[in-house]
Amino acid sequence: MKTVDLQFGEFQFYPEVIIGKIKEGIHFDMTKNEELVKVVTEHYGIDMPLSYISLRENDYSIDPLVHTKNSKFENLCGIAIVEKRLQGGSSVNLESKFFKPGKLIAFQDVEDAIVWSNKEVSEKLARLNPGISLY
């Protein structure tokens, strides 16, 4: 595991999953997204299937168009949002409309998010290598 600290958040790079925590009060926009994408690409390359888990522990905002941009990355298999807020205060339903259908999901438990994220990557790898059993 490698930890990367950027001005706007901390990101842990695991073999197939990135876990990120954006800092309090940040507006995560296209510029910050491009910086993160650059660091991710330098670490994993462009062909590695990945999932992203966002730990929403701090209060911050996100430009939903970031998800539109990120949906174009073929190997970004899914985004899991982990937050403890009640559904009424969540923006995940709105955000999911800007990403791949069914691939931006809210979780209340990080372990559930990890299981789902790993499953998304495994399914992508199975589609890329149909003759290889992952189980």
Protein backbone atom coordinates (compact mmCIF):
# COMPACT_ATOMS: atom_id res chain seq x y z
CA MET A 1 0.00 0.00 0.00
CA LYS A 2 1.23 3.47 -0.86
CA THR A 3 -0.16 6.67 0.66
CA VAL A 4 -0.19 9.86 -1.39
CA ASP A 5 -0.87 13.21 0.28
CA LEU A 6 -2.10 15.97 -1.99
CA GLN A 7 -3.15 19.47 -0.93
CA PHE A 8 -6.81 18.48 -1.13
CA GLY A 9 -6.76 14.96 0.31
CA GLU A 10 -5.06 11.70 1.22
CA PHE A 11 -5.16 8.66 -1.03
CA GLN A 12 -4.15 5.08 -0.31
CA PHE A 13 -3.15 3.02 -3.34
CA TYR A 14 -3.83 -0.70 -2.97
CA PRO A 15 -3.30 -3.25 -5.77
CA GLU A 16 -6.72 -2.71 -7.41
CA VAL A 17 -8.44 -0.12 -5.23
CA ILE A 18 -7.78 3.49 -4.29
CA ILE A 19 -9.21 4.76 -1.00
CA GLY A 20 -9.42 8.53 -0.78
CA LYS A 21 -10.39 11.06 1.84
CA ILE A 22 -10.91 14.67 0.71
CA LYS A 23 -10.05 17.36 3.26
CA GLU A 24 -12.58 19.51 5.07
CA GLY A 25 -13.95 22.51 3.13
CA ILE A 26 -12.48 21.52 -0.26
CA HIS A 27 -14.37 21.99 -3.51
CA PHE A 28 -13.23 19.02 -5.60
CA ASP A 29 -13.28 20.32 -9.15
CA MET A 30 -11.85 19.36 -12.54
CA THR A 31 -8.41 20.81 -11.75
CA LYS A 32 -8.05 18.72 -8.59
CA ASN A 33 -9.41 15.69 -10.42
CA GLU A 34 -6.79 16.10 -13.17
CA GLU A 35 -4.05 16.26 -10.54
CA LEU A 36 -5.33 13.07 -8.92
CA VAL A 37 -5.69 11.31 -12.30
CA LYS A 38 -2.08 12.21 -13.12
CA VAL A 39 -0.80 10.68 -9.85
CA VAL A 40 -2.99 7.58 -10.30
CA THR A 41 -1.80 7.09 -13.88
CA GLU A 42 1.85 7.48 -12.84
CA HIS A 43 1.36 4.77 -10.20
CA TYR A 44 -0.89 2.25 -12.00
CA GLY A 45 -0.51 3.08 -15.70
CA ILE A 46 -3.51 3.46 -17.99
CA ASP A 47 -4.44 -0.21 -18.49
CA MET A 48 -4.95 -1.34 -14.89
CA PRO A 49 -8.60 -1.90 -13.89
CA LEU A 50 -9.30 0.00 -10.65
CA SER A 51 -12.09 0.99 -8.31
CA TYR A 52 -12.18 4.12 -6.16
CA ILE A 53 -13.56 4.32 -2.62
CA SER A 54 -14.35 7.76 -1.26
CA LEU A 55 -14.43 8.00 2.53
CA ARG A 56 -16.76 10.94 3.09
CA GLU A 57 -15.77 11.79 6.64
CA ASN A 58 -15.23 15.51 6.02
CA ASP A 59 -17.59 18.17 4.73
CA TYR A 60 -16.64 19.12 1.16
CA SER A 61 -18.27 19.63 -2.21
CA ILE A 62 -17.69 18.00 -5.57
CA ASP A 63 -18.39 19.21 -9.07
CA PRO A 64 -20.55 16.36 -10.46
CA LEU A 65 -19.02 16.92 -13.90
CA VAL A 66 -15.89 15.28 -12.45
CA HIS A 67 -17.87 12.02 -12.61
CA THR A 68 -18.77 12.68 -16.26
CA LYS A 69 -15.08 13.07 -17.06
CA ASN A 70 -14.10 10.00 -15.03
CA SER A 71 -16.80 7.84 -16.63
CA LYS A 72 -14.75 8.03 -19.84
CA PHE A 73 -11.93 6.06 -18.20
CA GLU A 74 -12.67 2.53 -19.41
CA ASN A 75 -10.68 0.89 -16.59
CA LEU A 76 -12.34 2.81 -13.75
CA CYS A 77 -14.65 -0.02 -12.77
CA GLY A 78 -16.64 1.68 -10.02
CA ILE A 79 -16.84 4.35 -7.37
CA ALA A 80 -17.96 3.48 -3.84
CA ILE A 81 -18.99 6.34 -1.58
CA VAL A 82 -18.80 5.55 2.14
CA GLU A 83 -20.77 7.95 4.28
CA LYS A 84 -22.62 7.75 7.54
CA ARG A 85 -25.15 10.50 6.73
CA LEU A 86 -28.82 9.79 6.48
CA GLN A 87 -30.03 9.33 2.92
CA GLY A 88 -31.76 12.75 2.90
CA GLY A 89 -28.43 14.57 3.28
CA SER A 90 -26.57 12.53 0.68
CA SER A 91 -25.65 13.73 -2.80
CA VAL A 92 -24.81 10.23 -4.06
CA ASN A 93 -28.11 9.78 -5.90
CA LEU A 94 -27.48 12.96 -7.89
CA GLU A 95 -23.79 12.18 -8.44
CA SER A 96 -24.59 8.69 -9.76
CA LYS A 97 -26.45 10.24 -12.69
CA PHE A 98 -23.12 11.62 -13.96
CA PHE A 99 -21.23 8.30 -13.88
CA LYS A 100 -21.60 4.86 -15.47
CA PRO A 101 -25.04 3.39 -14.66
CA GLY A 102 -24.90 1.24 -11.53
CA LYS A 103 -21.21 1.92 -10.95
CA LEU A 104 -21.37 4.75 -8.37
CA ILE A 105 -22.83 3.26 -5.20
CA ALA A 106 -23.28 4.48 -1.62
CA PHE A 107 -22.24 2.37 1.37
CA GLN A 108 -22.36 2.96 5.11
CA ASP A 109 -19.61 0.45 5.84
CA VAL A 110 -16.10 0.56 4.36
CA GLU A 111 -15.77 -3.24 4.37
CA ASP A 112 -18.88 -3.55 2.16
CA ALA A 113 -17.41 -0.91 -0.17
CA ILE A 114 -14.14 -2.85 -0.42
CA VAL A 115 -15.93 -6.12 -1.22
CA TRP A 116 -18.04 -4.43 -3.93
CA SER A 117 -15.03 -2.57 -5.36
CA ASN A 118 -12.93 -5.74 -5.59
CA LYS A 119 -15.85 -7.56 -7.24
CA GLU A 120 -16.14 -4.82 -9.88
CA VAL A 121 -12.43 -5.11 -10.71
CA SER A 122 -12.58 -8.94 -10.77
CA GLU A 123 -15.52 -8.85 -13.18
CA LYS A 124 -13.64 -6.44 -15.45
CA LEU A 125 -10.55 -8.66 -15.40
CA ALA A 126 -12.71 -11.70 -16.22
CA ARG A 127 -14.16 -9.86 -19.25
CA LEU A 128 -10.65 -8.91 -20.39
CA ASN A 129 -9.33 -12.48 -19.89
CA PRO A 130 -12.30 -14.80 -20.48
CA GLY A 131 -10.22 -17.99 -20.37
CA ILE A 132 -8.86 -17.30 -16.88
CA SER A 133 -10.86 -18.20 -13.78
CA LEU A 134 -10.48 -15.72 -10.93
CA TYR A 135 -12.15 -17.98 -8.39
